[in-house]
């Protein structure tokens, strides 16, 4: 019988504004997870670097 993934916690990624759902690999770190993917994490750090360079 297949396991149904219902009622899993969700967050909104601050970079892409899309919801993402809890994953088993984030079980211990869910409170610290901010971004939905490595791509969004890198994009946010690049955006921050460009803002710092202009100031």
PDB file of N, CA and C in Angstrom:
ATOM      1  N   UNK A   1       0.846  -1.179   0.000  1.00  0.00           N
ATOM      2  CA  UNK A   1       0.000   0.000   0.000  1.00  0.00           C
ATOM      3  C   UNK A   1       0.893   1.244   0.000  1.00  0.00           C
ATOM      4  N   UNK A   2       0.559   2.196  -0.810  1.00  0.00           N
ATOM      5  CA  UNK A   2       1.359   3.422  -0.933  1.00  0.00           C
ATOM      6  C   UNK A   2       1.118   4.347   0.252  1.00  0.00           C
ATOM      7  N   UNK A   3       2.171   5.033   0.631  1.00  0.00           N
ATOM      8  CA  UNK A   3       2.092   6.005   1.727  1.00  0.00           C
ATOM      9  C   UNK A   3       1.593   7.330   1.162  1.00  0.00           C
ATOM     10  N   UNK A   4       0.547   7.879   1.725  1.00  0.00           N
ATOM     11  CA  UNK A   4       0.021   9.167   1.268  1.00  0.00           C
ATOM     12  C   UNK A   4       0.659  10.287   2.064  1.00  0.00           C
ATOM     13  N   UNK A   5       1.110  11.296   1.346  1.00  0.00           N
ATOM     14  CA  UNK A   5       1.771  12.427   1.992  1.00  0.00           C
ATOM     15  C   UNK A   5       0.755  13.551   2.184  1.00  0.00           C
ATOM     16  N   UNK A   6       0.020  13.445   3.251  1.00  0.00           N
ATOM     17  CA  UNK A   6      -0.958  14.478   3.564  1.00  0.00           C
ATOM     18  C   UNK A   6      -0.555  15.179   4.848  1.00  0.00           C
ATOM     19  N   UNK A   7      -0.945  16.409   4.966  1.00  0.00           N
ATOM     20  CA  UNK A   7      -0.702  17.198   6.174  1.00  0.00           C
ATOM     21  C   UNK A   7       0.777  17.377   6.506  1.00  0.00           C
ATOM     22  N   UNK A   8       1.625  17.493   5.492  1.00  0.00           N
ATOM     23  CA  UNK A   8       3.031  17.793   5.734  1.00  0.00           C
ATOM     24  C   UNK A   8       3.185  19.305   5.805  1.00  0.00           C
ATOM     25  N   UNK A   9       4.065  19.805   6.662  1.00  0.00           N
ATOM     26  CA  UNK A   9       4.244  21.253   6.778  1.00  0.00           C
ATOM     27  C   UNK A   9       4.775  21.858   5.481  1.00  0.00           C
ATOM     28  N   UNK A  10       4.409  23.106   5.247  1.00  0.00           N
ATOM     29  CA  UNK A  10       4.867  23.826   4.062  1.00  0.00           C
ATOM     30  C   UNK A  10       5.448  25.165   4.456  1.00  0.00           C
ATOM     31  N   UNK A  11       6.332  25.674   3.599  1.00  0.00           N
ATOM     32  CA  UNK A  11       6.881  27.022   3.729  1.00  0.00           C
ATOM     33  C   UNK A  11       6.872  27.660   2.351  1.00  0.00           C
ATOM     34  N   UNK A  12       7.028  28.974   2.303  1.00  0.00           N
ATOM     35  CA  UNK A  12       7.130  29.701   1.047  1.00  0.00           C
ATOM     36  C   UNK A  12       8.582  30.123   0.860  1.00  0.00           C
ATOM     37  N   UNK A  13       9.133  29.814  -0.293  1.00  0.00           N
ATOM     38  CA  UNK A  13      10.512  30.192  -0.597  1.00  0.00           C
ATOM     39  C   UNK A  13      10.564  31.704  -0.831  1.00  0.00           C
ATOM     40  N   UNK A  14      11.459  32.429  -0.156  1.00  0.00           N
ATOM     41  CA  UNK A  14      11.522  33.885  -0.318  1.00  0.00           C
ATOM     42  C   UNK A  14      12.067  34.327  -1.673  1.00  0.00           C
ATOM     43  N   UNK A  15      12.698  33.440  -2.419  1.00  0.00           N
ATOM     44  CA  UNK A  15      13.265  33.796  -3.720  1.00  0.00           C
ATOM     45  C   UNK A  15      12.244  33.609  -4.834  1.00  0.00           C
ATOM     46  N   UNK A  16      11.686  32.403  -4.946  1.00  0.00           N
ATOM     47  CA  UNK A  16      10.768  32.106  -6.054  1.00  0.00           C
ATOM     48  C   UNK A  16       9.295  32.242  -5.671  1.00  0.00           C
ATOM     49  N   UNK A  17       9.018  32.457  -4.397  1.00  0.00           N
ATOM     50  CA  UNK A  17       7.650  32.632  -3.886  1.00  0.00           C
ATOM     51  C   UNK A  17       6.758  31.407  -4.097  1.00  0.00           C
ATOM     52  N   UNK A  18       7.359  30.240  -4.216  1.00  0.00           N
ATOM     53  CA  UNK A  18       6.582  29.012  -4.373  1.00  0.00           C
ATOM     54  C   UNK A  18       6.566  28.243  -3.056  1.00  0.00           C
ATOM     55  N   UNK A  19       5.476  27.532  -2.802  1.00  0.00           N
ATOM     56  CA  UNK A  19       5.437  26.713  -1.584  1.00  0.00           C
ATOM     57  C   UNK A  19       6.288  25.454  -1.767  1.00  0.00           C
ATOM     58  N   UNK A  20       6.923  25.029  -0.688  1.00  0.00           N
ATOM     59  CA  UNK A  20       7.633  23.754  -0.707  1.00  0.00           C
ATOM     60  C   UNK A  20       7.286  23.000   0.556  1.00  0.00           C
ATOM     61  N   UNK A  21       7.300  21.688   0.440  1.00  0.00           N
ATOM     62  CA  UNK A  21       6.827  20.798   1.491  1.00  0.00           C
ATOM     63  C   UNK A  21       7.989  20.127   2.209  1.00  0.00           C
ATOM     64  N   UNK A  22       7.755  19.825   3.464  1.00  0.00           N
ATOM     65  CA  UNK A  22       8.718  19.114   4.305  1.00  0.00           C
ATOM     66  C   UNK A  22       9.222  17.872   3.600  1.00  0.00           C
ATOM     67  N   UNK A  23      10.524  17.612   3.741  1.00  0.00           N
ATOM     68  CA  UNK A  23      11.136  16.396   3.208  1.00  0.00           C
ATOM     69  C   UNK A  23      11.846  15.656   4.336  1.00  0.00           C
ATOM     70  N   UNK A  24      11.942  14.370   4.168  1.00  0.00           N
ATOM     71  CA  UNK A  24      12.600  13.533   5.182  1.00  0.00           C
ATOM     72  C   UNK A  24      14.023  14.017   5.462  1.00  0.00           C
ATOM     73  N   UNK A  25      14.757  14.447   4.419  1.00  0.00           N
ATOM     74  CA  UNK A  25      16.141  14.883   4.631  1.00  0.00           C
ATOM     75  C   UNK A  25      16.222  16.163   5.453  1.00  0.00           C
ATOM     76  N   UNK A  26      15.117  16.907   5.555  1.00  0.00           N
ATOM     77  CA  UNK A  26      15.077  18.136   6.358  1.00  0.00           C
ATOM     78  C   UNK A  26      14.517  17.878   7.755  1.00  0.00           C
ATOM     79  N   UNK A  27      14.299  16.641   8.108  1.00  0.00           N
ATOM     80  CA  UNK A  27      13.635  16.280   9.360  1.00  0.00           C
ATOM     81  C   UNK A  27      14.255  16.977  10.574  1.00  0.00           C
ATOM     82  N   UNK A  28      15.573  16.979  10.676  1.00  0.00           N
ATOM     83  CA  UNK A  28      16.241  17.566  11.841  1.00  0.00           C
ATOM     84  C   UNK A  28      16.433  19.069  11.722  1.00  0.00           C
ATOM     85  N   UNK A  29      16.367  19.599  10.499  1.00  0.00           N
ATOM     86  CA  UNK A  29      16.688  21.011  10.259  1.00  0.00           C
ATOM     87  C   UNK A  29      15.509  21.841   9.761  1.00  0.00           C
ATOM     88  N   UNK A  30      14.302  21.342   9.841  1.00  0.00           N
ATOM     89  CA  UNK A  30      13.161  22.019   9.223  1.00  0.00           C
ATOM     90  C   UNK A  30      13.040  23.477   9.661  1.00  0.00           C
ATOM     91  N   UNK A  31      13.302  23.782  10.900  1.00  0.00           N
ATOM     92  CA  UNK A  31      13.187  25.162  11.386  1.00  0.00           C
ATOM     93  C   UNK A  31      14.207  26.084  10.712  1.00  0.00           C
ATOM     94  N   UNK A  32      15.352  25.550  10.298  1.00  0.00           N
ATOM     95  CA  UNK A  32      16.397  26.357   9.671  1.00  0.00           C
ATOM     96  C   UNK A  32      16.277  26.404   8.149  1.00  0.00           C
ATOM     97  N   UNK A  33      15.458  25.549   7.560  1.00  0.00           N
ATOM     98  CA  UNK A  33      15.312  25.523   6.102  1.00  0.00           C
ATOM     99  C   UNK A  33      14.583  26.789   5.664  1.00  0.00           C
ATOM    100  N   UNK A  34      15.192  27.517   4.710  1.00  0.00           N
ATOM    101  CA  UNK A  34      14.614  28.768   4.234  1.00  0.00           C
ATOM    102  C   UNK A  34      14.235  28.670   2.760  1.00  0.00           C
ATOM    103  N   UNK A  35      15.089  28.037   1.971  1.00  0.00           N
ATOM    104  CA  UNK A  35      14.916  28.005   0.520  1.00  0.00           C
ATOM    105  C   UNK A  35      14.450  26.635   0.056  1.00  0.00           C
ATOM    106  N   UNK A  36      13.722  26.620  -1.053  1.00  0.00           N
ATOM    107  CA  UNK A  36      13.184  25.365  -1.568  1.00  0.00           C
ATOM    108  C   UNK A  36      14.235  24.521  -2.266  1.00  0.00           C
ATOM    109  N   UNK A  37      15.307  25.162  -2.730  1.00  0.00           N
ATOM    110  CA  UNK A  37      16.323  24.433  -3.485  1.00  0.00           C
ATOM    111  C   UNK A  37      17.675  25.111  -3.364  1.00  0.00           C
ATOM    112  N   UNK A  38      18.690  24.399  -3.797  1.00  0.00           N
ATOM    113  CA  UNK A  38      20.041  24.956  -3.830  1.00  0.00           C
ATOM    114  C   UNK A  38      20.100  26.120  -4.817  1.00  0.00           C
ATOM    115  N   UNK A  39      19.364  26.004  -5.899  1.00  0.00           N
ATOM    116  CA  UNK A  39      19.325  27.071  -6.910  1.00  0.00           C
ATOM    117  C   UNK A  39      18.804  28.375  -6.301  1.00  0.00           C
ATOM    118  N   UNK A  40      17.751  28.320  -5.536  1.00  0.00           N
ATOM    119  CA  UNK A  40      17.206  29.526  -4.895  1.00  0.00           C
ATOM    120  C   UNK A  40      18.158  30.058  -3.828  1.00  0.00           C
ATOM    121  N   UNK A  41      18.819  29.177  -3.101  1.00  0.00           N
ATOM    122  CA  UNK A  41      19.779  29.620  -2.094  1.00  0.00           C
ATOM    123  C   UNK A  41      20.918  30.383  -2.752  1.00  0.00           C
ATOM    124  N   UNK A  42      21.445  29.852  -3.864  1.00  0.00           N
ATOM    125  CA  UNK A  42      22.530  30.530  -4.579  1.00  0.00           C
ATOM    126  C   UNK A  42      22.056  31.838  -5.195  1.00  0.00           C
ATOM    127  N   UNK A  43      20.856  31.851  -5.748  1.00  0.00           N
ATOM    128  CA  UNK A  43      20.323  33.065  -6.371  1.00  0.00           C
ATOM    129  C   UNK A  43      20.196  34.174  -5.342  1.00  0.00           C
ATOM    130  N   UNK A  44      19.781  33.862  -4.145  1.00  0.00           N
ATOM    131  CA  UNK A  44      19.632  34.872  -3.104  1.00  0.00           C
ATOM    132  C   UNK A  44      20.985  35.417  -2.672  1.00  0.00           C
ATOM    133  N   UNK A  45      21.995  34.568  -2.584  1.00  0.00           N
ATOM    134  CA  UNK A  45      23.312  35.060  -2.178  1.00  0.00           C
ATOM    135  C   UNK A  45      23.920  35.930  -3.273  1.00  0.00           C
ATOM    136  N   UNK A  46      23.681  35.611  -4.540  1.00  0.00           N
ATOM    137  CA  UNK A  46      24.172  36.460  -5.636  1.00  0.00           C
ATOM    138  C   UNK A  46      23.477  37.809  -5.623  1.00  0.00           C
ATOM    139  N   UNK A  47      22.175  37.810  -5.337  1.00  0.00           N
ATOM    140  CA  UNK A  47      21.426  39.063  -5.280  1.00  0.00           C
ATOM    141  C   UNK A  47      21.966  39.938  -4.154  1.00  0.00           C
ATOM    142  N   UNK A  48      22.262  39.328  -3.023  1.00  0.00           N
ATOM    143  CA  UNK A  48      22.801  40.055  -1.878  1.00  0.00           C
ATOM    144  C   UNK A  48      24.178  40.645  -2.205  1.00  0.00           C
ATOM    145  N   UNK A  49      25.015  39.886  -2.904  1.00  0.00           N
ATOM    146  CA  UNK A  49      26.349  40.371  -3.284  1.00  0.00           C
ATOM    147  C   UNK A  49      26.259  41.577  -4.201  1.00  0.00           C
ATOM    148  N   UNK A  50      25.333  41.553  -5.160  1.00  0.00           N
ATOM    149  CA  UNK A  50      25.215  42.675  -6.088  1.00  0.00           C
ATOM    150  C   UNK A  50      24.708  43.926  -5.377  1.00  0.00           C
ATOM    151  N   UNK A  51      23.861  43.775  -4.381  1.00  0.00           N
ATOM    152  CA  UNK A  51      23.374  44.920  -3.604  1.00  0.00           C
ATOM    153  C   UNK A  51      24.520  45.518  -2.803  1.00  0.00           C
ATOM    154  N   UNK A  52      25.347  44.669  -2.209  1.00  0.00           N
ATOM    155  CA  UNK A  52      26.486  45.157  -1.421  1.00  0.00           C
ATOM    156  C   UNK A  52      27.496  45.889  -2.298  1.00  0.00           C
ATOM    157  N   UNK A  53      27.699  45.451  -3.527  1.00  0.00           N
ATOM    158  CA  UNK A  53      28.652  46.093  -4.435  1.00  0.00           C
ATOM    159  C   UNK A  53      28.177  47.479  -4.855  1.00  0.00           C
ATOM    160  N   UNK A  54      26.874  47.667  -5.004  1.00  0.00           N
ATOM    161  CA  UNK A  54      26.341  48.964  -5.427  1.00  0.00           C
ATOM    162  C   UNK A  54      26.339  49.974  -4.292  1.00  0.00           C
ATOM    163  N   UNK A  55      26.384  49.511  -3.053  1.00  0.00           N
ATOM    164  CA  UNK A  55      26.379  50.432  -1.898  1.00  0.00           C
ATOM    165  C   UNK A  55      27.734  50.827  -1.556  1.00  0.00           C
TER     166      UNK A  55
END
